[in-house]
């Protein structure tokens, strides 16, 4: 009897450990949220699907769970149930273990804190710089359209050159960032999501810097295919 009980406990422990090793728990708080539905989402076959959800009624804390095979992009989607079709989405890298997200109803997708994912930390660092590139691009586009209205060809040509140089700088920054963080899944992710149309030679050089584990990851495989096209 004792032997059977011991075997039973070992089986439970083994199952529990294997489950915990592949489970992601996303918890947190949305300050100011009184009512709504929070979804944990992921892209599957080019379609965004919900894999867990929780209805919020008075308590702004939430907890969502899913099984994960490897670090990947997930979305925290808030349906505020207020008739507004422009609901809010937070993009983050999910992985096994606990991930905590703190934000507010007012600034849901613009001022949030995430812990528990190194890939997400790097993703936020990357986009903090990319936002500056994008703002510069918007400023140049404003000047470009104004020059078109004024039919100022000299100014148009000048702004076109500046925009082209800005795009090159953005691509080089992305390549350097991905190369410097090649031990993380975000490296091939940035390549395939931000600069997939970059020079094939540059993509191949980036791919060669990846450790075998990252080469075999989801985005590592996609990057490899881009270098072969």
Foldseek 3Di string as FASTA:
>chain_A
DVVVVVVVVVVVVVVVVVQLQFKEKEKEFAAPQAWWKKFKWDDDPNDIDTDWMDTHHGGRIDITMDGHDAWDKIKIWIGSPPPDPPTDIAIFITGRDYKYKYYYPVQRHNDIDIDDDPLRVLVVVLVVVVVVLVVVLVVLVVQLVVCVVVVPVVSNVVSVVVNVVSVVVNVVVLLVSLLVPQADLVSLVCCVPPPLVPDLVSLVVSLVSHDPVNCPDPSVVVSVVSNVD
